[in-house]
N, C-alpha and C. Protein backbone atom coordinates (compact mmCIF):
# COMPACT_ATOMS: atom_id res chain seq x y z
N VAL A 1 -55.71 0.81 70.19
CA VAL A 1 -56.16 -0.14 68.76
C VAL A 1 -55.84 -1.45 68.53
N ASP A 2 -56.35 -2.36 68.92
CA ASP A 2 -55.42 -3.72 68.66
C ASP A 2 -56.08 -3.73 67.08
N PRO A 3 -55.54 -4.53 66.17
CA PRO A 3 -55.53 -5.00 64.91
C PRO A 3 -56.35 -5.49 64.75
N GLN A 4 -57.71 -5.57 63.36
CA GLN A 4 -58.30 -6.06 63.46
C GLN A 4 -58.06 -7.13 62.12
N ILE A 5 -58.29 -8.82 62.77
CA ILE A 5 -58.26 -9.73 61.97
C ILE A 5 -60.29 -10.02 61.89
N MET A 6 -60.46 -10.36 60.06
CA MET A 6 -61.53 -10.37 59.87
C MET A 6 -61.22 -11.89 59.54
N GLU A 7 -61.33 -13.70 59.47
CA GLU A 7 -61.75 -14.99 59.43
C GLU A 7 -63.03 -14.86 58.82
N ILE A 8 -62.57 -15.98 57.58
CA ILE A 8 -63.71 -15.85 56.62
C ILE A 8 -64.20 -17.34 56.93
N SER A 9 -65.38 -17.55 56.62
CA SER A 9 -65.43 -19.08 56.40
C SER A 9 -66.60 -19.36 55.27
N VAL A 10 -66.91 -20.48 54.61
CA VAL A 10 -68.16 -20.75 53.45
C VAL A 10 -68.35 -22.13 53.93
N ASN A 11 -69.73 -22.33 53.98
CA ASN A 11 -70.33 -23.70 54.24
C ASN A 11 -69.74 -24.25 55.35
N GLY A 12 -69.02 -23.68 56.62
CA GLY A 12 -68.24 -24.77 57.86
C GLY A 12 -66.90 -24.10 57.28
N ASN A 13 -65.99 -23.96 56.11
CA ASN A 13 -65.07 -24.07 55.85
C ASN A 13 -64.27 -23.32 55.64
N PHE A 14 -62.73 -23.08 56.19
CA PHE A 14 -61.99 -21.88 56.40
C PHE A 14 -61.44 -21.67 54.86
N VAL A 15 -61.48 -20.04 54.87
CA VAL A 15 -61.15 -20.01 53.55
C VAL A 15 -59.99 -18.89 53.61
N SER A 16 -60.26 -17.97 54.32
CA SER A 16 -58.92 -17.02 54.34
C SER A 16 -59.07 -16.47 56.77
N THR A 17 -58.38 -15.48 56.03
CA THR A 17 -58.26 -14.87 57.69
C THR A 17 -56.90 -13.10 56.41
N LYS A 18 -58.13 -12.11 57.00
CA LYS A 18 -57.45 -10.69 56.39
C LYS A 18 -57.07 -9.99 57.54
N ARG A 19 -55.99 -8.82 58.22
CA ARG A 19 -56.49 -8.12 58.80
C ARG A 19 -56.50 -6.93 58.12
N LEU A 20 -57.78 -5.70 58.47
CA LEU A 20 -57.83 -4.57 58.07
C LEU A 20 -57.46 -3.53 59.06
N ARG A 21 -57.77 -2.27 58.19
CA ARG A 21 -57.25 -0.93 58.36
C ARG A 21 -58.67 -0.62 59.15
N THR A 22 -57.87 0.22 59.59
CA THR A 22 -59.05 1.61 60.30
C THR A 22 -60.40 2.00 59.43
N GLU A 23 -59.40 2.82 58.31
CA GLU A 23 -60.20 3.53 57.29
C GLU A 23 -60.78 2.27 56.42
N TRP A 24 -61.68 2.76 55.44
CA TRP A 24 -62.82 2.09 54.56
C TRP A 24 -61.37 2.00 53.37
N GLY A 25 -61.21 0.18 53.21
CA GLY A 25 -60.91 -0.03 52.12
C GLY A 25 -61.46 -1.22 51.43
N ARG A 26 -60.99 -1.84 50.59
CA ARG A 26 -61.48 -3.08 49.28
C ARG A 26 -60.68 -4.01 50.03
N VAL A 27 -61.34 -5.40 50.50
CA VAL A 27 -60.79 -6.36 50.43
C VAL A 27 -61.21 -7.59 49.66
N SER A 28 -60.60 -8.11 48.79
CA SER A 28 -60.76 -9.19 47.33
C SER A 28 -60.35 -10.42 48.51
N VAL A 29 -61.53 -11.21 47.97
CA VAL A 29 -61.64 -12.75 48.79
C VAL A 29 -62.33 -13.69 47.52
N VAL A 30 -61.10 -14.71 47.59
CA VAL A 30 -61.59 -15.22 46.05
C VAL A 30 -62.50 -16.87 47.33
N LEU A 31 -63.49 -17.16 46.98
CA LEU A 31 -63.81 -18.78 47.95
C LEU A 31 -63.98 -20.06 46.26
N PRO A 32 -63.02 -21.21 47.37
CA PRO A 32 -62.61 -21.84 46.53
C PRO A 32 -63.96 -22.62 46.05
N GLU A 33 -63.77 -23.09 44.83
CA GLU A 33 -65.44 -23.93 43.57
C GLU A 33 -65.50 -24.83 44.98
N GLY A 34 -64.58 -26.32 45.60
CA GLY A 34 -64.94 -26.78 46.74
C GLY A 34 -65.47 -26.79 47.33
N HIS A 35 -65.73 -25.65 48.19
CA HIS A 35 -66.56 -25.12 49.55
C HIS A 35 -67.81 -24.62 48.84
N LEU A 36 -68.13 -24.27 47.79
CA LEU A 36 -69.63 -24.20 47.54
C LEU A 36 -70.83 -25.47 46.70
N VAL A 37 -71.67 -24.83 47.14
CA VAL A 37 -72.67 -25.99 46.84
C VAL A 37 -73.97 -26.02 46.25
N PRO A 38 -74.21 -26.17 45.13
CA PRO A 38 -75.53 -25.53 44.38
C PRO A 38 -76.39 -25.23 45.62
N GLY A 39 -77.37 -24.04 44.97
CA GLY A 39 -78.32 -23.38 45.93
C GLY A 39 -77.64 -23.04 46.74
N GLU A 40 -77.56 -22.25 48.09
CA GLU A 40 -77.48 -21.54 49.27
C GLU A 40 -76.42 -21.71 49.68
N ASN A 41 -75.63 -20.85 49.97
CA ASN A 41 -74.13 -20.99 50.76
C ASN A 41 -74.01 -20.22 52.00
N ALA A 42 -73.61 -20.92 52.73
CA ALA A 42 -72.96 -19.51 54.37
C ALA A 42 -71.96 -19.30 54.12
N LEU A 43 -72.38 -17.84 53.82
CA LEU A 43 -70.66 -16.96 53.86
C LEU A 43 -70.46 -16.36 54.85
N CYS A 44 -69.43 -16.54 56.21
CA CYS A 44 -69.44 -16.28 57.68
C CYS A 44 -67.97 -14.90 57.62
N PHE A 45 -68.08 -14.35 58.43
CA PHE A 45 -67.13 -13.70 58.57
C PHE A 45 -66.74 -13.19 60.62
N LYS A 46 -65.71 -13.57 60.93
CA LYS A 46 -65.93 -13.50 62.05
C LYS A 46 -64.95 -12.75 62.14
N PHE A 47 -64.78 -11.70 63.66
CA PHE A 47 -63.48 -10.62 63.82
C PHE A 47 -63.31 -10.70 64.97
N SER A 48 -61.90 -10.63 65.22
CA SER A 48 -61.16 -10.54 66.21
C SER A 48 -60.97 -9.38 67.42
N ASN A 49 -62.23 -8.38 67.45
CA ASN A 49 -62.50 -7.89 68.16
C ASN A 49 -63.66 -6.47 67.65
N SER A 50 -63.89 -6.22 69.02
CA SER A 50 -65.09 -5.17 68.52
C SER A 50 -64.73 -3.96 69.40
N LEU A 51 -65.41 -2.54 68.81
CA LEU A 51 -65.43 -1.67 69.79
C LEU A 51 -66.51 -1.01 70.29
N PRO A 52 -66.48 -0.69 71.14
CA PRO A 52 -68.28 -0.05 71.47
C PRO A 52 -68.70 0.87 70.79
N GLU A 53 -69.66 1.16 70.46
CA GLU A 53 -70.79 2.53 69.62
C GLU A 53 -70.93 3.44 70.79
N GLU A 54 -71.23 5.05 70.66
CA GLU A 54 -72.06 5.54 71.46
C GLU A 54 -73.41 5.16 72.19
N ASN A 55 -74.23 4.46 71.45
CA ASN A 55 -75.19 3.59 71.83
C ASN A 55 -75.34 2.51 72.60
N GLY A 56 -74.14 1.47 72.81
CA GLY A 56 -73.71 1.00 73.69
C GLY A 56 -73.89 -0.71 72.83
N ARG A 57 -74.09 -0.62 71.54
CA ARG A 57 -73.63 -1.50 71.15
C ARG A 57 -71.90 -1.81 70.40
N ARG A 58 -71.83 -3.00 70.12
CA ARG A 58 -70.41 -3.32 69.65
C ARG A 58 -70.63 -3.82 68.24
N VAL A 59 -69.47 -2.95 67.47
CA VAL A 59 -69.31 -3.02 66.04
C VAL A 59 -67.60 -3.64 65.66
N ALA A 60 -67.69 -4.81 65.34
CA ALA A 60 -66.29 -4.72 64.25
C ALA A 60 -66.25 -4.27 63.34
N ALA A 61 -67.04 -4.32 62.10
CA ALA A 61 -67.15 -3.69 60.96
C ALA A 61 -68.00 -3.50 60.48
N HIS A 62 -68.11 -2.55 59.22
CA HIS A 62 -69.30 -2.07 58.65
C HIS A 62 -68.91 -2.49 57.05
N PHE A 63 -69.66 -3.30 56.43
CA PHE A 63 -69.52 -3.18 54.96
C PHE A 63 -70.68 -3.10 54.37
N GLU A 64 -69.78 -2.14 53.00
CA GLU A 64 -70.75 -1.48 52.45
C GLU A 64 -71.23 -2.05 51.21
N ARG A 65 -71.02 -3.24 50.98
CA ARG A 65 -71.31 -4.68 49.13
C ARG A 65 -70.48 -5.19 49.90
N ILE A 66 -71.39 -6.48 49.45
CA ILE A 66 -70.62 -7.92 48.92
C ILE A 66 -70.82 -8.33 47.97
N GLN A 67 -70.20 -8.47 47.23
CA GLN A 67 -70.45 -8.78 45.88
C GLN A 67 -69.84 -10.22 45.39
N LEU A 68 -70.80 -10.94 44.66
CA LEU A 68 -70.21 -12.40 44.46
C LEU A 68 -70.40 -12.34 42.62
N PRO A 69 -69.87 -12.99 42.07
CA PRO A 69 -70.46 -13.16 40.78
C PRO A 69 -71.24 -13.52 40.01
């Protein structure tokens, strides 16, 4: 299985890339204040690859929780 790389952006601005493990784990990312705006912000996660599931859907990652302060 190829490594899974997750690219994070907020409001169209690149923030970081993270290499993900195949087992569950915690990934922490700090969003720069300059990329955030008052009101709604768009947080985007882009994955380098995905794996087929039994039902035919392609899955890149599962999120248990996204926590913002």
